[in-house]
Amino acid sequence: MQDGAESVTLPGRGWSSRAGGSRRCRSAEDYSHVRSTPPNYGGAVKRIWPFLVPGVILSGVGLVWTLQGLGVLRGSVMSGSSFWATIGPIVLVVGLVLIGIAIAIARRRRPR
């Protein structure tokens, strides 16, 4: 250190500032508390998304078709049609089943 140069450590930084302008990096011991590998959060998500995404989409489409078939949502050729009042709940139930499967997979794979 130079004569009269004072070392100041900046809070939350890995560097220290010296009056002479030189900088030093933290040593490896300063990072001993950090995990070397990140936790695997993506495993469960990769297994449930093929069920969850189509389930949400089918549930939304089934709900709209049901409401249009029952005449609640107007402004379409599908409004008031018994065909869409029948198909809509079937698609809605299929979507809810897929969402249920995704939830079951996520609960089964969750570490305890």
PDB file of N, CA and C in Angstrom:
ATOM      1  N   MET A   1       0.855  -1.176   0.000  1.00  0.00           N
ATOM      2  CA  MET A   1       0.000   0.000   0.000  1.00  0.00           C
ATOM      3  C   MET A   1       0.897   1.234   0.000  1.00  0.00           C
ATOM      4  N   GLN A   2       0.457   2.273  -0.663  1.00  0.00           N
ATOM      5  CA  GLN A   2       1.239   3.500  -0.737  1.00  0.00           C
ATOM      6  C   GLN A   2       1.148   4.251   0.590  1.00  0.00           C
ATOM      7  N   ASP A   3       2.069   5.132   0.793  1.00  0.00           N
ATOM      8  CA  ASP A   3       2.032   5.947   2.009  1.00  0.00           C
ATOM      9  C   ASP A   3       0.785   6.805   2.024  1.00  0.00           C
ATOM     10  N   GLY A   4       0.001   6.686   3.056  1.00  0.00           N
ATOM     11  CA  GLY A   4      -1.192   7.492   3.207  1.00  0.00           C
ATOM     12  C   GLY A   4      -2.391   6.987   2.419  1.00  0.00           C
ATOM     13  N   ALA A   5      -2.219   5.889   1.675  1.00  0.00           N
ATOM     14  CA  ALA A   5      -3.341   5.349   0.902  1.00  0.00           C
ATOM     15  C   ALA A   5      -4.208   4.517   1.840  1.00  0.00           C
ATOM     16  N   GLU A   6      -5.454   4.812   1.859  1.00  0.00           N
ATOM     17  CA  GLU A   6      -6.375   4.146   2.761  1.00  0.00           C
ATOM     18  C   GLU A   6      -7.267   3.190   1.967  1.00  0.00           C
ATOM     19  N   SER A   7      -7.454   1.973   2.440  1.00  0.00           N
ATOM     20  CA  SER A   7      -8.285   0.984   1.753  1.00  0.00           C
ATOM     21  C   SER A   7      -9.727   1.117   2.234  1.00  0.00           C
ATOM     22  N   VAL A   8     -10.653   1.240   1.284  1.00  0.00           N
ATOM     23  CA  VAL A   8     -12.062   1.371   1.604  1.00  0.00           C
ATOM     24  C   VAL A   8     -12.802   0.256   0.883  1.00  0.00           C
ATOM     25  N   THR A   9     -13.534  -0.553   1.626  1.00  0.00           N
ATOM     26  CA  THR A   9     -14.324  -1.616   1.009  1.00  0.00           C
ATOM     27  C   THR A   9     -15.713  -1.082   0.731  1.00  0.00           C
ATOM     28  N   LEU A  10     -16.148  -1.224  -0.503  1.00  0.00           N
ATOM     29  CA  LEU A  10     -17.476  -0.757  -0.885  1.00  0.00           C
ATOM     30  C   LEU A  10     -18.513  -1.788  -0.463  1.00  0.00           C
ATOM     31  N   PRO A  11     -19.607  -1.374   0.172  1.00  0.00           N
ATOM     32  CA  PRO A  11     -20.608  -2.338   0.631  1.00  0.00           C
ATOM     33  C   PRO A  11     -21.291  -3.032  -0.547  1.00  0.00           C
ATOM     34  N   GLY A  12     -21.424  -4.360  -0.440  1.00  0.00           N
ATOM     35  CA  GLY A  12     -22.132  -5.121  -1.447  1.00  0.00           C
ATOM     36  C   GLY A  12     -21.344  -5.329  -2.730  1.00  0.00           C
ATOM     37  N   ARG A  13     -20.093  -4.966  -2.758  1.00  0.00           N
ATOM     38  CA  ARG A  13     -19.270  -5.111  -3.956  1.00  0.00           C
ATOM     39  C   ARG A  13     -18.115  -6.062  -3.671  1.00  0.00           C
ATOM     40  N   GLY A  14     -17.584  -6.663  -4.694  1.00  0.00           N
ATOM     41  CA  GLY A  14     -16.449  -7.560  -4.558  1.00  0.00           C
ATOM     42  C   GLY A  14     -15.127  -6.853  -4.701  1.00  0.00           C
ATOM     43  N   TRP A  15     -15.149  -5.551  -4.789  1.00  0.00           N
ATOM     44  CA  TRP A  15     -13.933  -4.797  -5.005  1.00  0.00           C
ATOM     45  C   TRP A  15     -13.689  -3.852  -3.841  1.00  0.00           C
ATOM     46  N   SER A  16     -12.456  -3.511  -3.653  1.00  0.00           N
ATOM     47  CA  SER A  16     -12.158  -2.466  -2.681  1.00  0.00           C
ATOM     48  C   SER A  16     -11.481  -1.332  -3.427  1.00  0.00           C
ATOM     49  N   SER A  17     -11.710  -0.131  -2.971  1.00  0.00           N
ATOM     50  CA  SER A  17     -11.149   1.041  -3.622  1.00  0.00           C
ATOM     51  C   SER A  17      -9.982   1.540  -2.785  1.00  0.00           C
ATOM     52  N   ARG A  18      -8.900   1.781  -3.449  1.00  0.00           N
ATOM     53  CA  ARG A  18      -7.740   2.343  -2.759  1.00  0.00           C
ATOM     54  C   ARG A  18      -7.441   3.696  -3.353  1.00  0.00           C
ATOM     55  N   ALA A  19      -6.827   4.505  -2.571  1.00  0.00           N
ATOM     56  CA  ALA A  19      -6.515   5.857  -3.031  1.00  0.00           C
ATOM     57  C   ALA A  19      -5.591   5.831  -4.248  1.00  0.00           C
ATOM     58  N   GLY A  20      -4.760   4.799  -4.367  1.00  0.00           N
ATOM     59  CA  GLY A  20      -3.833   4.687  -5.485  1.00  0.00           C
ATOM     60  C   GLY A  20      -4.509   4.238  -6.769  1.00  0.00           C
ATOM     61  N   GLY A  21      -5.787   3.836  -6.724  1.00  0.00           N
ATOM     62  CA  GLY A  21      -6.516   3.445  -7.917  1.00  0.00           C
ATOM     63  C   GLY A  21      -6.469   1.951  -8.203  1.00  0.00           C
ATOM     64  N   SER A  22      -5.734   1.167  -7.433  1.00  0.00           N
ATOM     65  CA  SER A  22      -5.695  -0.272  -7.677  1.00  0.00           C
ATOM     66  C   SER A  22      -6.918  -0.929  -7.052  1.00  0.00           C
ATOM     67  N   ARG A  23      -7.292  -2.079  -7.597  1.00  0.00           N
ATOM     68  CA  ARG A  23      -8.475  -2.784  -7.100  1.00  0.00           C
ATOM     69  C   ARG A  23      -8.108  -4.238  -6.839  1.00  0.00           C
ATOM     70  N   ARG A  24      -8.780  -4.851  -5.899  1.00  0.00           N
ATOM     71  CA  ARG A  24      -8.546  -6.269  -5.648  1.00  0.00           C
ATOM     72  C   ARG A  24      -9.882  -6.996  -5.710  1.00  0.00           C
ATOM     73  N   CYS A  25      -9.831  -8.251  -6.071  1.00  0.00           N
ATOM     74  CA  CYS A  25     -11.032  -9.084  -6.180  1.00  0.00           C
ATOM     75  C   CYS A  25     -11.171  -9.902  -4.904  1.00  0.00           C
ATOM     76  N   ARG A  26     -12.397 -10.290  -4.588  1.00  0.00           N
ATOM     77  CA  ARG A  26     -12.608 -11.151  -3.425  1.00  0.00           C
ATOM     78  C   ARG A  26     -11.969 -12.505  -3.656  1.00  0.00           C
ATOM     79  N   SER A  27     -11.580 -13.162  -2.591  1.00  0.00           N
ATOM     80  CA  SER A  27     -10.973 -14.482  -2.711  1.00  0.00           C
ATOM     81  C   SER A  27     -12.053 -15.550  -2.794  1.00  0.00           C
ATOM     82  N   ALA A  28     -11.646 -16.771  -3.120  1.00  0.00           N
ATOM     83  CA  ALA A  28     -12.587 -17.887  -3.265  1.00  0.00           C
ATOM     84  C   ALA A  28     -13.292 -18.185  -1.946  1.00  0.00           C
ATOM     85  N   GLU A  29     -12.651 -17.930  -0.816  1.00  0.00           N
ATOM     86  CA  GLU A  29     -13.281 -18.199   0.480  1.00  0.00           C
ATOM     87  C   GLU A  29     -14.503 -17.312   0.703  1.00  0.00           C
ATOM     88  N   ASP A  30     -14.517 -16.136   0.093  1.00  0.00           N
ATOM     89  CA  ASP A  30     -15.655 -15.235   0.249  1.00  0.00           C
ATOM     90  C   ASP A  30     -16.927 -15.816  -0.375  1.00  0.00           C
ATOM     91  N   TYR A  31     -16.768 -16.764  -1.301  1.00  0.00           N
ATOM     92  CA  TYR A  31     -17.912 -17.352  -1.999  1.00  0.00           C
ATOM     93  C   TYR A  31     -18.186 -18.788  -1.558  1.00  0.00           C
ATOM     94  N   SER A  32     -17.646 -19.212  -0.422  1.00  0.00           N
ATOM     95  CA  SER A  32     -17.812 -20.592   0.025  1.00  0.00           C
ATOM     96  C   SER A  32     -19.261 -20.929   0.373  1.00  0.00           C
ATOM     97  N   HIS A  33     -20.084 -19.930   0.685  1.00  0.00           N
ATOM     98  CA  HIS A  33     -21.483 -20.153   1.035  1.00  0.00           C
ATOM     99  C   HIS A  33     -22.369 -20.345  -0.194  1.00  0.00           C
ATOM    100  N   VAL A  34     -21.866 -20.055  -1.375  1.00  0.00           N
ATOM    101  CA  VAL A  34     -22.651 -20.141  -2.601  1.00  0.00           C
ATOM    102  C   VAL A  34     -22.616 -21.573  -3.114  1.00  0.00           C
ATOM    103  N   ARG A  35     -23.780 -22.095  -3.519  1.00  0.00           N
ATOM    104  CA  ARG A  35     -23.849 -23.455  -4.051  1.00  0.00           C
ATOM    105  C   ARG A  35     -23.133 -23.519  -5.389  1.00  0.00           C
ATOM    106  N   SER A  36     -22.463 -24.644  -5.636  1.00  0.00           N
ATOM    107  CA  SER A  36     -21.741 -24.766  -6.893  1.00  0.00           C
ATOM    108  C   SER A  36     -22.685 -25.073  -8.056  1.00  0.00           C
ATOM    109  N   THR A  37     -23.806 -25.729  -7.790  1.00  0.00           N
ATOM    110  CA  THR A  37     -24.779 -26.010  -8.839  1.00  0.00           C
ATOM    111  C   THR A  37     -26.125 -25.433  -8.423  1.00  0.00           C
ATOM    112  N   PRO A  38     -26.831 -24.831  -9.359  1.00  0.00           N
ATOM    113  CA  PRO A  38     -28.140 -24.267  -9.008  1.00  0.00           C
ATOM    114  C   PRO A  38     -29.155 -25.373  -8.764  1.00  0.00           C
ATOM    115  N   PRO A  39     -30.188 -25.109  -7.974  1.00  0.00           N
ATOM    116  CA  PRO A  39     -31.216 -26.122  -7.750  1.00  0.00           C
ATOM    117  C   PRO A  39     -31.975 -26.401  -9.044  1.00  0.00           C
ATOM    118  N   ASN A  40     -32.478 -27.615  -9.187  1.00  0.00           N
ATOM    119  CA  ASN A  40     -33.169 -28.025 -10.407  1.00  0.00           C
ATOM    120  C   ASN A  40     -34.662 -27.750 -10.279  1.00  0.00           C
ATOM    121  N   TYR A  41     -35.065 -26.513 -10.604  1.00  0.00           N
ATOM    122  CA  TYR A  41     -36.476 -26.165 -10.576  1.00  0.00           C
ATOM    123  C   TYR A  41     -37.172 -26.545 -11.873  1.00  0.00           C
ATOM    124  N   GLY A  42     -36.424 -26.694 -12.953  1.00  0.00           N
ATOM    125  CA  GLY A  42     -37.010 -26.928 -14.260  1.00  0.00           C
ATOM    126  C   GLY A  42     -37.538 -28.332 -14.465  1.00  0.00           C
ATOM    127  N   GLY A  43     -37.145 -29.293 -13.623  1.00  0.00           N
ATOM    128  CA  GLY A  43     -37.554 -30.678 -13.816  1.00  0.00           C
ATOM    129  C   GLY A  43     -39.056 -30.870 -13.774  1.00  0.00           C
ATOM    130  N   ALA A  44     -39.711 -30.347 -12.746  1.00  0.00           N
ATOM    131  CA  ALA A  44     -41.161 -30.505 -12.623  1.00  0.00           C
ATOM    132  C   ALA A  44     -41.893 -29.694 -13.673  1.00  0.00           C
ATOM    133  N   VAL A  45     -41.378 -28.528 -14.005  1.00  0.00           N
ATOM    134  CA  VAL A  45     -42.034 -27.690 -15.006  1.00  0.00           C
ATOM    135  C   VAL A  45     -41.999 -28.360 -16.367  1.00  0.00           C
ATOM    136  N   LYS A  46     -40.881 -28.998 -16.688  1.00  0.00           N
ATOM    137  CA  LYS A  46     -40.771 -29.694 -17.967  1.00  0.00           C
ATOM    138  C   LYS A  46     -41.753 -30.849 -18.063  1.00  0.00           C
ATOM    139  N   ARG A  47     -42.086 -31.464 -16.938  1.00  0.00           N
ATOM    140  CA  ARG A  47     -43.011 -32.593 -16.960  1.00  0.00           C
ATOM    141  C   ARG A  47     -44.474 -32.169 -16.973  1.00  0.00           C
ATOM    142  N   ILE A  48     -44.802 -31.001 -16.430  1.00  0.00           N
ATOM    143  CA  ILE A  48     -46.220 -30.626 -16.343  1.00  0.00           C
ATOM    144  C   ILE A  48     -46.695 -29.729 -17.470  1.00  0.00           C
ATOM    145  N   TRP A  49     -45.797 -28.994 -18.146  1.00  0.00           N
ATOM    146  CA  TRP A  49     -46.278 -28.037 -19.141  1.00  0.00           C
ATOM    147  C   TRP A  49     -47.019 -28.688 -20.295  1.00  0.00           C
ATOM    148  N   PRO A  50     -46.680 -29.920 -20.749  1.00  0.00           N
ATOM    149  CA  PRO A  50     -47.474 -30.511 -21.837  1.00  0.00           C
ATOM    150  C   PRO A  50     -48.924 -30.785 -21.434  1.00  0.00           C
ATOM    151  N   PHE A  51     -49.213 -30.822 -20.149  1.00  0.00           N
ATOM    152  CA  PHE A  51     -50.588 -31.020 -19.681  1.00  0.00           C
ATOM    153  C   PHE A  51     -51.239 -29.699 -19.292  1.00  0.00           C
ATOM    154  N   LEU A  52     -50.450 -28.828 -18.663  1.00  0.00           N
ATOM    155  CA  LEU A  52     -51.005 -27.584 -18.129  1.00  0.00           C
ATOM    156  C   LEU A  52     -51.394 -26.590 -19.224  1.00  0.00           C
ATOM    157  N   VAL A  53     -50.521 -26.358 -20.177  1.00  0.00           N
ATOM    158  CA  VAL A  53     -50.800 -25.361 -21.212  1.00  0.00           C
ATOM    159  C   VAL A  53     -52.006 -25.750 -22.064  1.00  0.00           C
ATOM    160  N   PRO A  54     -52.052 -26.980 -22.625  1.00  0.00           N
ATOM    161  CA  PRO A  54     -53.263 -27.345 -23.376  1.00  0.00           C
ATOM    162  C   PRO A  54     -54.510 -27.373 -22.493  1.00  0.00           C
ATOM    163  N   GLY A  55     -54.353 -27.746 -21.217  1.00  0.00           N
ATOM    164  CA  GLY A  55     -55.497 -27.770 -20.315  1.00  0.00           C
ATOM    165  C   GLY A  55     -56.104 -26.398 -20.104  1.00  0.00           C
ATOM    166  N   VAL A  56     -55.249 -25.396 -19.931  1.00  0.00           N
ATOM    167  CA  VAL A  56     -55.744 -24.028 -19.749  1.00  0.00           C
ATOM    168  C   VAL A  56     -56.404 -23.525 -21.030  1.00  0.00           C
ATOM    169  N   ILE A  57     -55.775 -23.799 -22.168  1.00  0.00           N
ATOM    170  CA  ILE A  57     -56.344 -23.356 -23.445  1.00  0.00           C
ATOM    171  C   ILE A  57     -57.686 -24.036 -23.710  1.00  0.00           C
ATOM    172  N   LEU A  58     -57.740 -25.358 -23.531  1.00  0.00           N
ATOM    173  CA  LEU A  58     -58.994 -26.078 -23.773  1.00  0.00           C
ATOM    174  C   LEU A  58     -60.087 -25.651 -22.801  1.00  0.00           C
ATOM    175  N   SER A  59     -59.716 -25.389 -21.567  1.00  0.00           N
ATOM    176  CA  SER A  59     -60.723 -24.934 -20.602  1.00  0.00           C
ATOM    177  C   SER A  59     -61.307 -23.587 -21.009  1.00  0.00           C
ATOM    178  N   GLY A  60     -60.459 -22.685 -21.440  1.00  0.00           N
ATOM    179  CA  GLY A  60     -60.946 -21.380 -21.880  1.00  0.00           C
ATOM    180  C   GLY A  60     -61.823 -21.474 -23.116  1.00  0.00           C
ATOM    181  N   VAL A  61     -61.391 -22.260 -24.093  1.00  0.00           N
ATOM    182  CA  VAL A  61     -62.184 -22.436 -25.316  1.00  0.00           C
ATOM    183  C   VAL A  61     -63.504 -23.126 -24.994  1.00  0.00           C
ATOM    184  N   GLY A  62     -63.454 -24.151 -24.152  1.00  0.00           N
ATOM    185  CA  GLY A  62     -64.680 -24.856 -23.786  1.00  0.00           C
ATOM    186  C   GLY A  62     -65.666 -23.962 -23.057  1.00  0.00           C
ATOM    187  N   LEU A  63     -65.162 -23.092 -22.205  1.00  0.00           N
ATOM    188  CA  LEU A  63     -66.036 -22.155 -21.491  1.00  0.00           C
ATOM    189  C   LEU A  63     -66.699 -21.177 -22.460  1.00  0.00           C
ATOM    190  N   VAL A  64     -65.917 -20.636 -23.391  1.00  0.00           N
ATOM    191  CA  VAL A  64     -66.479 -19.696 -24.375  1.00  0.00           C
ATOM    192  C   VAL A  64     -67.509 -20.405 -25.247  1.00  0.00           C
ATOM    193  N   TRP A  65     -67.195 -21.607 -25.723  1.00  0.00           N
ATOM    194  CA  TRP A  65     -68.152 -22.347 -26.561  1.00  0.00           C
ATOM    195  C   TRP A  65     -69.438 -22.657 -25.796  1.00  0.00           C
ATOM    196  N   THR A  66     -69.296 -23.010 -24.522  1.00  0.00           N
ATOM    197  CA  THR A  66     -70.487 -23.295 -23.716  1.00  0.00           C
ATOM    198  C   THR A  66     -71.354 -22.048 -23.580  1.00  0.00           C
ATOM    199  N   LEU A  67     -70.730 -20.935 -23.240  1.00  0.00           N
ATOM    200  CA  LEU A  67     -71.489 -19.696 -23.073  1.00  0.00           C
ATOM    201  C   LEU A  67     -72.119 -19.231 -24.393  1.00  0.00           C
ATOM    202  N   GLN A  68     -71.427 -19.441 -25.499  1.00  0.00           N
ATOM    203  CA  GLN A  68     -72.003 -19.078 -26.789  1.00  0.00           C
ATOM    204  C   GLN A  68     -73.163 -20.013 -27.142  1.00  0.00           C
ATOM    205  N   GLY A  69     -72.986 -21.296 -26.879  1.00  0.00           N
ATOM    206  CA  GLY A  69     -74.050 -22.249 -27.174  1.00  0.00           C
ATOM    207  C   GLY A  69     -75.295 -22.008 -26.342  1.00  0.00           C
ATOM    208  N   LEU A  70     -75.115 -21.547 -25.121  1.00  0.00           N
ATOM    209  CA  LEU A  70     -76.258 -21.258 -24.252  1.00  0.00           C
ATOM    210  C   LEU A  70     -76.858 -19.880 -24.531  1.00  0.00           C
ATOM    211  N   GLY A  71     -76.217 -19.101 -25.383  1.00  0.00           N
ATOM    212  CA  GLY A  71     -76.739 -17.789 -25.742  1.00  0.00           C
ATOM    213  C   GLY A  71     -76.336 -16.677 -24.796  1.00  0.00           C
ATOM    214  N   VAL A  72     -75.426 -16.950 -23.871  1.00  0.00           N
ATOM    215  CA  VAL A  72     -74.967 -15.921 -22.940  1.00  0.00           C
ATOM    216  C   VAL A  72     -74.053 -14.933 -23.670  1.00  0.00           C
ATOM    217  N   LEU A  73     -73.147 -15.443 -24.496  1.00  0.00           N
ATOM    218  CA  LEU A  73     -72.292 -14.600 -25.330  1.00  0.00           C
ATOM    219  C   LEU A  73     -72.916 -14.524 -26.720  1.00  0.00           C
ATOM    220  N   ARG A  74     -73.293 -13.349 -27.114  1.00  0.00           N
ATOM    221  CA  ARG A  74     -73.944 -13.156 -28.424  1.00  0.00           C
ATOM    222  C   ARG A  74     -72.947 -12.607 -29.438  1.00  0.00           C
ATOM    223  N   GLY A  75     -73.390 -12.527 -30.689  1.00  0.00           N
ATOM    224  CA  GLY A  75     -72.585 -11.907 -31.730  1.00  0.00           C
ATOM    225  C   GLY A  75     -71.818 -12.899 -32.568  1.00  0.00           C
ATOM    226  N   SER A  76     -72.211 -14.157 -32.566  1.00  0.00           N
ATOM    227  CA  SER A  76     -71.523 -15.177 -33.334  1.00  0.00           C
ATOM    228  C   SER A  76     -72.545 -16.121 -33.937  1.00  0.00           C
ATOM    229  N   VAL A  77     -72.112 -16.838 -34.953  1.00  0.00           N
ATOM    230  CA  VAL A  77     -72.963 -17.867 -35.551  1.00  0.00           C
ATOM    231  C   VAL A  77     -73.203 -18.987 -34.543  1.00  0.00           C
ATOM    232  N   MET A  78     -72.267 -19.136 -33.616  1.00  0.00           N
ATOM    233  CA  MET A  78     -72.353 -20.198 -32.616  1.00  0.00           C
ATOM    234  C   MET A  78     -73.352 -19.856 -31.506  1.00  0.00           C
ATOM    235  N   SER A  79     -73.769 -18.625 -31.401  1.00  0.00           N
ATOM    236  CA  SER A  79     -74.672 -18.202 -30.326  1.00  0.00           C
ATOM    237  C   SER A  79     -76.024 -18.885 -30.445  1.00  0.00           C
ATOM    238  N   GLY A  80     -76.456 -19.477 -29.339  1.00  0.00           N
ATOM    239  CA  GLY A  80     -77.758 -20.114 -29.282  1.00  0.00           C
ATOM    240  C   GLY A  80     -77.830 -21.475 -29.946  1.00  0.00           C
ATOM    241  N   SER A  81     -76.698 -22.046 -30.359  1.00  0.00           N
ATOM    242  CA  SER A  81     -76.675 -23.348 -31.027  1.00  0.00           C
ATOM    243  C   SER A  81     -76.510 -24.458 -29.999  1.00  0.00           C
ATOM    244  N   SER A  82     -77.376 -25.465 -30.070  1.00  0.00           N
ATOM    245  CA  SER A  82     -77.286 -26.580 -29.119  1.00  0.00           C
ATOM    246  C   SER A  82     -76.036 -27.422 -29.356  1.00  0.00           C
ATOM    247  N   PHE A  83     -75.515 -27.408 -30.580  1.00  0.00           N
ATOM    248  CA  PHE A  83     -74.284 -28.144 -30.866  1.00  0.00           C
ATOM    249  C   PHE A  83     -73.141 -27.634 -29.994  1.00  0.00           C
ATOM    250  N   TRP A  84     -72.958 -26.297 -29.927  1.00  0.00           N
ATOM    251  CA  TRP A  84     -71.879 -25.714 -29.138  1.00  0.00           C
ATOM    252  C   TRP A  84     -72.179 -25.774 -27.647  1.00  0.00           C
ATOM    253  N   ALA A  85     -73.440 -25.826 -27.291  1.00  0.00           N
ATOM    254  CA  ALA A  85     -73.806 -26.001 -25.882  1.00  0.00           C
ATOM    255  C   ALA A  85     -73.476 -27.416 -25.418  1.00  0.00           C
ATOM    256  N   THR A  86     -73.329 -28.356 -26.346  1.00  0.00           N
ATOM    257  CA  THR A  86     -72.960 -29.733 -26.009  1.00  0.00           C
ATOM    258  C   THR A  86     -71.450 -29.934 -26.082  1.00  0.00           C
ATOM    259  N   ILE A  87     -70.821 -29.429 -27.146  1.00  0.00           N
ATOM    260  CA  ILE A  87     -69.380 -29.602 -27.338  1.00  0.00           C
ATOM    261  C   ILE A  87     -68.579 -28.798 -26.309  1.00  0.00           C
ATOM    262  N   GLY A  88     -69.039 -27.611 -25.973  1.00  0.00           N
ATOM    263  CA  GLY A  88     -68.320 -26.741 -25.041  1.00  0.00           C
ATOM    264  C   GLY A  88     -68.021 -27.381 -23.692  1.00  0.00           C
ATOM    265  N   PRO A  89     -69.021 -27.956 -23.005  1.00  0.00           N
ATOM    266  CA  PRO A  89     -68.728 -28.591 -21.713  1.00  0.00           C
ATOM    267  C   PRO A  89     -67.797 -29.796 -21.828  1.00  0.00           C
ATOM    268  N   ILE A  90     -67.864 -30.513 -22.943  1.00  0.00           N
ATOM    269  CA  ILE A  90     -66.966 -31.665 -23.137  1.00  0.00           C
ATOM    270  C   ILE A  90     -65.521 -31.176 -23.231  1.00  0.00           C
ATOM    271  N   VAL A  91     -65.286 -30.138 -24.024  1.00  0.00           N
ATOM    272  CA  VAL A  91     -63.938 -29.574 -24.159  1.00  0.00           C
ATOM    273  C   VAL A  91     -63.476 -28.971 -22.828  1.00  0.00           C
ATOM    274  N   LEU A  92     -64.386 -28.335 -22.115  1.00  0.00           N
ATOM    275  CA  LEU A  92     -64.071 -27.769 -20.804  1.00  0.00           C
ATOM    276  C   LEU A  92     -63.632 -28.849 -19.823  1.00  0.00           C
ATOM    277  N   VAL A  93     -64.332 -29.956 -19.789  1.00  0.00           N
ATOM    278  CA  VAL A  93     -63.987 -31.061 -18.881  1.00  0.00           C
ATOM    279  C   VAL A  93     -62.638 -31.674 -19.261  1.00  0.00           C
ATOM    280  N   VAL A  94     -62.380 -31.839 -20.574  1.00  0.00           N
ATOM    281  CA  VAL A  94     -61.084 -32.371 -21.005  1.00  0.00           C
ATOM    282  C   VAL A  94     -59.958 -31.437 -20.544  1.00  0.00           C
ATOM    283  N   GLY A  95     -60.156 -30.140 -20.680  1.00  0.00           N
ATOM    284  CA  GLY A  95     -59.156 -29.174 -20.219  1.00  0.00           C
ATOM    285  C   GLY A  95     -58.933 -29.244 -18.721  1.00  0.00           C
ATOM    286  N   LEU A  96     -60.004 -29.372 -17.952  1.00  0.00           N
ATOM    287  CA  LEU A  96     -59.873 -29.475 -16.491  1.00  0.00           C
ATOM    288  C   LEU A  96     -59.175 -30.763 -16.079  1.00  0.00           C
ATOM    289  N   VAL A  97     -59.418 -31.846 -16.811  1.00  0.00           N
ATOM    290  CA  VAL A  97     -58.730 -33.119 -16.525  1.00  0.00           C
ATOM    291  C   VAL A  97     -57.235 -32.963 -16.777  1.00  0.00           C
ATOM    292  N   LEU A  98     -56.853 -32.300 -17.864  1.00  0.00           N
ATOM    293  CA  LEU A  98     -55.436 -32.080 -18.139  1.00  0.00           C
ATOM    294  C   LEU A  98     -54.779 -31.214 -17.063  1.00  0.00           C
ATOM    295  N   ILE A  99     -55.482 -30.206 -16.594  1.00  0.00           N
ATOM    296  CA  ILE A  99     -54.952 -29.376 -15.502  1.00  0.00           C
ATOM    297  C   ILE A  99     -54.801 -30.220 -14.233  1.00  0.00           C
ATOM    298  N   GLY A 100     -55.770 -31.086 -13.962  1.00  0.00           N
ATOM    299  CA  GLY A 100     -55.680 -31.974 -12.799  1.00  0.00           C
ATOM    300  C   GLY A 100     -54.501 -32.924 -12.892  1.00  0.00           C
ATOM    301  N   ILE A 101     -54.236 -33.448 -14.089  1.00  0.00           N
ATOM    302  CA  ILE A 101     -53.074 -34.329 -14.280  1.00  0.00           C
ATOM    303  C   ILE A 101     -51.782 -33.561 -14.017  1.00  0.00           C
ATOM    304  N   ALA A 102     -51.700 -32.332 -14.511  1.00  0.00           N
ATOM    305  CA  ALA A 102     -50.500 -31.513 -14.290  1.00  0.00           C
ATOM    306  C   ALA A 102     -50.284 -31.249 -12.805  1.00  0.00           C
ATOM    307  N   ILE A 103     -51.344 -30.962 -12.085  1.00  0.00           N
ATOM    308  CA  ILE A 103     -51.223 -30.723 -10.638  1.00  0.00           C
ATOM    309  C   ILE A 103     -50.795 -31.993  -9.920  1.00  0.00           C
ATOM    310  N   ALA A 104     -51.344 -33.141 -10.330  1.00  0.00           N
ATOM    311  CA  ALA A 104     -50.970 -34.414  -9.705  1.00  0.00           C
ATOM    312  C   ALA A 104     -49.499 -34.738  -9.954  1.00  0.00           C
ATOM    313  N   ILE A 105     -49.017 -34.479 -11.158  1.00  0.00           N
ATOM    314  CA  ILE A 105     -47.602 -34.719 -11.459  1.00  0.00           C
ATOM    315  C   ILE A 105     -46.719 -33.801 -10.630  1.00  0.00           C
ATOM    316  N   ALA A 106     -47.110 -32.544 -10.505  1.00  0.00           N
ATOM    317  CA  ALA A 106     -46.300 -31.590  -9.732  1.00  0.00           C
ATOM    318  C   ALA A 106     -46.256 -31.985  -8.260  1.00  0.00           C
ATOM    319  N   ARG A 107     -47.355 -32.442  -7.708  1.00  0.00           N
ATOM    320  CA  ARG A 107     -47.376 -32.844  -6.285  1.00  0.00           C
ATOM    321  C   ARG A 107     -46.589 -34.117  -6.057  1.00  0.00           C
ATOM    322  N   ARG A 108     -46.643 -35.038  -7.004  1.00  0.00           N
ATOM    323  CA  ARG A 108     -45.942 -36.307  -6.852  1.00  0.00           C
ATOM    324  C   ARG A 108     -44.430 -36.108  -6.944  1.00  0.00           C
ATOM    325  N   ARG A 109     -43.978 -35.169  -7.753  1.00  0.00           N
ATOM    326  CA  ARG A 109     -42.547 -34.950  -7.980  1.00  0.00           C
ATOM    327  C   ARG A 109     -41.930 -33.987  -6.988  1.00  0.00           C
ATOM    328  N   ARG A 110     -42.732 -33.330  -6.164  1.00  0.00           N
ATOM    329  CA  ARG A 110     -42.229 -32.328  -5.233  1.00  0.00           C
ATOM    330  C   ARG A 110     -41.371 -33.000  -4.149  1.00  0.00           C
ATOM    331  N   PRO A 111     -40.128 -32.510  -3.921  1.00  0.00           N
ATOM    332  CA  PRO A 111     -39.307 -33.078  -2.847  1.00  0.00           C
ATOM    333  C   PRO A 111     -39.897 -32.750  -1.486  1.00  0.00           C
ATOM    334  N   ARG A 112     -39.790 -33.672  -0.567  1.00  0.00           N
ATOM    335  CA  ARG A 112     -40.370 -33.483   0.776  1.00  0.00           C
ATOM    336  C   ARG A 112     -39.326 -33.242   1.802  1.00  0.00           C
TER     337      ARG A 112
END
